[in-house]
Amino acid sequence: MKKKIMILEDSLIVSKLMASMLASQGYEISEFDSVGDIINLKEKIDLAILDYQLPDGNGLEAAENLKKRFPGLPMILLTARGSAVSQADAEAAGIKTFLEKPVDSQDLLNTIKLFLD
């Protein structure tokens, strides 16, 4: 069965590039562009990729929401250089790791495989 990855990214270009690359690796992808879009998410997901800066909040808020409904869900936070996210805040929200934008596709794949394989 295909592993399902959720992408929460407000840049359509970035989201589509990640989705295409991950789909080509055999993953099933769900794309969202705001925290509000995932508030009532019910579908089972195996991993979440969360952008830090979103139009209606941030990736830590999204992670807190997902952690309550999907305990143990691996989550990767995408941050811009110089982002004000602390490791402690990320860990408290359930974030397993950070990747800095622009994200190298091989780094992203390797990180995902650590959690899903």
C-alpha atoms as a PDB file:
ATOM      1  CA  MET A   1       0.000   0.000   0.000  1.00  0.00           C
ATOM      2  CA  LYS A   2       1.269   3.471  -0.888  1.00  0.00           C
ATOM      3  CA  LYS A   3       2.368   5.726   1.942  1.00  0.00           C
ATOM      4  CA  LYS A   4       0.421   8.983   2.062  1.00  0.00           C
ATOM      5  CA  ILE A   5       2.223  12.298   2.480  1.00  0.00           C
ATOM      6  CA  MET A   6       0.489  15.580   3.251  1.00  0.00           C
ATOM      7  CA  ILE A   7       2.089  18.773   1.951  1.00  0.00           C
ATOM      8  CA  LEU A   8       1.067  22.050   3.611  1.00  0.00           C
ATOM      9  CA  GLU A   9       2.679  24.774   1.510  1.00  0.00           C
ATOM     10  CA  ASP A  10       1.231  28.111   0.388  1.00  0.00           C
ATOM     11  CA  SER A  11       3.469  28.425  -2.690  1.00  0.00           C
ATOM     12  CA  LEU A  12       1.672  26.586  -5.476  1.00  0.00           C
ATOM     13  CA  ILE A  13       4.899  26.137  -7.432  1.00  0.00           C
ATOM     14  CA  VAL A  14       6.785  24.647  -4.474  1.00  0.00           C
ATOM     15  CA  SER A  15       3.860  22.417  -3.552  1.00  0.00           C
ATOM     16  CA  LYS A  16       3.434  21.092  -7.103  1.00  0.00           C
ATOM     17  CA  LEU A  17       7.169  20.451  -7.502  1.00  0.00           C
ATOM     18  CA  MET A  18       7.329  18.499  -4.232  1.00  0.00           C
ATOM     19  CA  ALA A  19       4.127  16.614  -5.019  1.00  0.00           C
ATOM     20  CA  SER A  20       5.348  15.629  -8.474  1.00  0.00           C
ATOM     21  CA  MET A  21       8.727  14.497  -7.201  1.00  0.00           C
ATOM     22  CA  LEU A  22       7.218  12.483  -4.339  1.00  0.00           C
ATOM     23  CA  ALA A  23       4.513  10.939  -6.530  1.00  0.00           C
ATOM     24  CA  SER A  24       7.235   9.794  -8.937  1.00  0.00           C
ATOM     25  CA  GLN A  25       8.775   7.946  -5.966  1.00  0.00           C
ATOM     26  CA  GLY A  26       5.517   6.066  -5.343  1.00  0.00           C
ATOM     27  CA  TYR A  27       3.982   8.167  -2.581  1.00  0.00           C
ATOM     28  CA  GLU A  28       0.342   9.267  -2.529  1.00  0.00           C
ATOM     29  CA  ILE A  29       0.112  13.030  -2.013  1.00  0.00           C
ATOM     30  CA  SER A  30      -2.463  15.403  -0.494  1.00  0.00           C
ATOM     31  CA  GLU A  31      -1.801  19.132  -0.930  1.00  0.00           C
ATOM     32  CA  PHE A  32      -3.062  21.969   1.253  1.00  0.00           C
ATOM     33  CA  ASP A  33      -2.198  25.675   1.312  1.00  0.00           C
ATOM     34  CA  SER A  34      -3.437  26.938   4.684  1.00  0.00           C
ATOM     35  CA  VAL A  35      -3.758  25.862   8.306  1.00  0.00           C
ATOM     36  CA  GLY A  36      -7.543  26.218   7.983  1.00  0.00           C
ATOM     37  CA  ASP A  37      -7.575  23.557   5.268  1.00  0.00           C
ATOM     38  CA  ILE A  38      -6.247  20.872   7.609  1.00  0.00           C
ATOM     39  CA  ILE A  39      -8.276  21.670  10.748  1.00  0.00           C
ATOM     40  CA  ASN A  40     -10.860  18.994   9.956  1.00  0.00           C
ATOM     41  CA  LEU A  41      -8.581  16.588   8.083  1.00  0.00           C
ATOM     42  CA  LYS A  42      -9.782  13.055   8.667  1.00  0.00           C
ATOM     43  CA  GLU A  43      -7.911  11.047   6.048  1.00  0.00           C
ATOM     44  CA  LYS A  44      -5.063   8.890   7.309  1.00  0.00           C
ATOM     45  CA  ILE A  45      -1.633  10.252   6.485  1.00  0.00           C
ATOM     46  CA  ASP A  46       1.765   8.713   7.114  1.00  0.00           C
ATOM     47  CA  LEU A  47       3.891  11.885   7.103  1.00  0.00           C
ATOM     48  CA  ALA A  48       3.332  15.656   6.984  1.00  0.00           C
ATOM     49  CA  ILE A  49       5.538  18.263   5.323  1.00  0.00           C
ATOM     50  CA  LEU A  50       4.719  21.674   6.760  1.00  0.00           C
ATOM     51  CA  ASP A  51       5.830  25.090   5.561  1.00  0.00           C
ATOM     52  CA  TYR A  52       6.560  27.412   8.477  1.00  0.00           C
ATOM     53  CA  GLN A  53       5.044  30.629   7.112  1.00  0.00           C
ATOM     54  CA  LEU A  54       1.453  30.268   5.983  1.00  0.00           C
ATOM     55  CA  PRO A  55      -1.236  32.846   5.175  1.00  0.00           C
ATOM     56  CA  ASP A  56      -3.352  32.012   8.239  1.00  0.00           C
ATOM     57  CA  GLY A  57      -0.800  30.831  10.774  1.00  0.00           C
ATOM     58  CA  ASN A  58       2.368  28.797  10.813  1.00  0.00           C
ATOM     59  CA  GLY A  59       3.650  25.269  10.594  1.00  0.00           C
ATOM     60  CA  LEU A  60       3.977  24.927  14.366  1.00  0.00           C
ATOM     61  CA  GLU A  61       0.257  25.645  14.809  1.00  0.00           C
ATOM     62  CA  ALA A  62      -0.508  23.103  12.092  1.00  0.00           C
ATOM     63  CA  ALA A  63       1.778  20.561  13.782  1.00  0.00           C
ATOM     64  CA  GLU A  64       0.049  21.049  17.154  1.00  0.00           C
ATOM     65  CA  ASN A  65      -3.303  20.458  15.488  1.00  0.00           C
ATOM     66  CA  LEU A  66      -2.112  17.330  13.670  1.00  0.00           C
ATOM     67  CA  LYS A  67      -0.349  15.946  16.759  1.00  0.00           C
ATOM     68  CA  LYS A  68      -3.630  15.953  18.706  1.00  0.00           C
ATOM     69  CA  ARG A  69      -5.433  13.954  16.032  1.00  0.00           C
ATOM     70  CA  PHE A  70      -2.587  11.783  14.751  1.00  0.00           C
ATOM     71  CA  PRO A  71      -0.256  10.997  17.693  1.00  0.00           C
ATOM     72  CA  GLY A  72       3.181   9.909  16.521  1.00  0.00           C
ATOM     73  CA  LEU A  73       2.762  11.340  13.024  1.00  0.00           C
ATOM     74  CA  PRO A  74       6.204  12.188  11.608  1.00  0.00           C
ATOM     75  CA  MET A  75       6.337  15.843  10.567  1.00  0.00           C
ATOM     76  CA  ILE A  76       8.983  17.804   8.673  1.00  0.00           C
ATOM     77  CA  LEU A  77       9.054  21.597   8.940  1.00  0.00           C
ATOM     78  CA  LEU A  78      10.277  23.664   5.990  1.00  0.00           C
ATOM     79  CA  THR A  79      11.817  26.953   7.077  1.00  0.00           C
ATOM     80  CA  ALA A  80      13.358  29.916   5.314  1.00  0.00           C
ATOM     81  CA  ARG A  81      16.873  30.979   6.220  1.00  0.00           C
ATOM     82  CA  GLY A  82      16.939  32.920   9.445  1.00  0.00           C
ATOM     83  CA  SER A  83      13.503  31.725  10.517  1.00  0.00           C
ATOM     84  CA  ALA A  84      12.733  32.375  14.171  1.00  0.00           C
ATOM     85  CA  VAL A  85      11.748  28.775  14.932  1.00  0.00           C
ATOM     86  CA  SER A  86      13.539  27.253  17.898  1.00  0.00           C
ATOM     87  CA  GLN A  87      14.337  23.549  18.114  1.00  0.00           C
ATOM     88  CA  ALA A  88      12.499  23.369  21.459  1.00  0.00           C
ATOM     89  CA  ASP A  89       9.319  24.917  20.010  1.00  0.00           C
ATOM     90  CA  ALA A  90       9.442  22.574  17.032  1.00  0.00           C
ATOM     91  CA  GLU A  91       9.943  19.491  19.190  1.00  0.00           C
ATOM     92  CA  ALA A  92       7.107  20.537  21.508  1.00  0.00           C
ATOM     93  CA  ALA A  93       4.821  20.756  18.470  1.00  0.00           C
ATOM     94  CA  GLY A  94       5.839  17.259  17.371  1.00  0.00           C
ATOM     95  CA  ILE A  95       8.195  18.266  14.554  1.00  0.00           C
ATOM     96  CA  LYS A  96      10.812  15.583  13.916  1.00  0.00           C
ATOM     97  CA  THR A  97      13.161  17.624  11.751  1.00  0.00           C
ATOM     98  CA  PHE A  98      13.685  20.926   9.919  1.00  0.00           C
ATOM     99  CA  LEU A  99      14.729  21.404   6.313  1.00  0.00           C
ATOM    100  CA  GLU A 100      15.814  24.815   5.134  1.00  0.00           C
ATOM    101  CA  LYS A 101      14.398  26.341   1.950  1.00  0.00           C
ATOM    102  CA  PRO A 102      15.201  26.046  -0.824  1.00  0.00           C
ATOM    103  CA  VAL A 103      14.899  22.338  -0.066  1.00  0.00           C
ATOM    104  CA  ASP A 104      17.219  19.957  -1.876  1.00  0.00           C
ATOM    105  CA  SER A 105      15.038  17.204  -3.347  1.00  0.00           C
ATOM    106  CA  GLN A 106      17.486  14.438  -2.391  1.00  0.00           C
ATOM    107  CA  ASP A 107      17.674  15.710   1.210  1.00  0.00           C
ATOM    108  CA  LEU A 108      13.867  15.708   1.350  1.00  0.00           C
ATOM    109  CA  LEU A 109      13.649  12.163  -0.039  1.00  0.00           C
ATOM    110  CA  ASN A 110      16.332  10.889   2.337  1.00  0.00           C
ATOM    111  CA  THR A 111      14.546  12.471   5.312  1.00  0.00           C
ATOM    112  CA  ILE A 112      11.195  11.011   4.287  1.00  0.00           C
ATOM    113  CA  LYS A 113      12.702   7.565   3.855  1.00  0.00           C
ATOM    114  CA  LEU A 114      14.114   7.734   7.404  1.00  0.00           C
ATOM    115  CA  PHE A 115      10.543   7.989   8.701  1.00  0.00           C
ATOM    116  CA  LEU A 116       8.619   5.809   6.235  1.00  0.00           C
ATOM    117  CA  ASP A 117      10.914   2.933   5.306  1.00  0.00           C
END
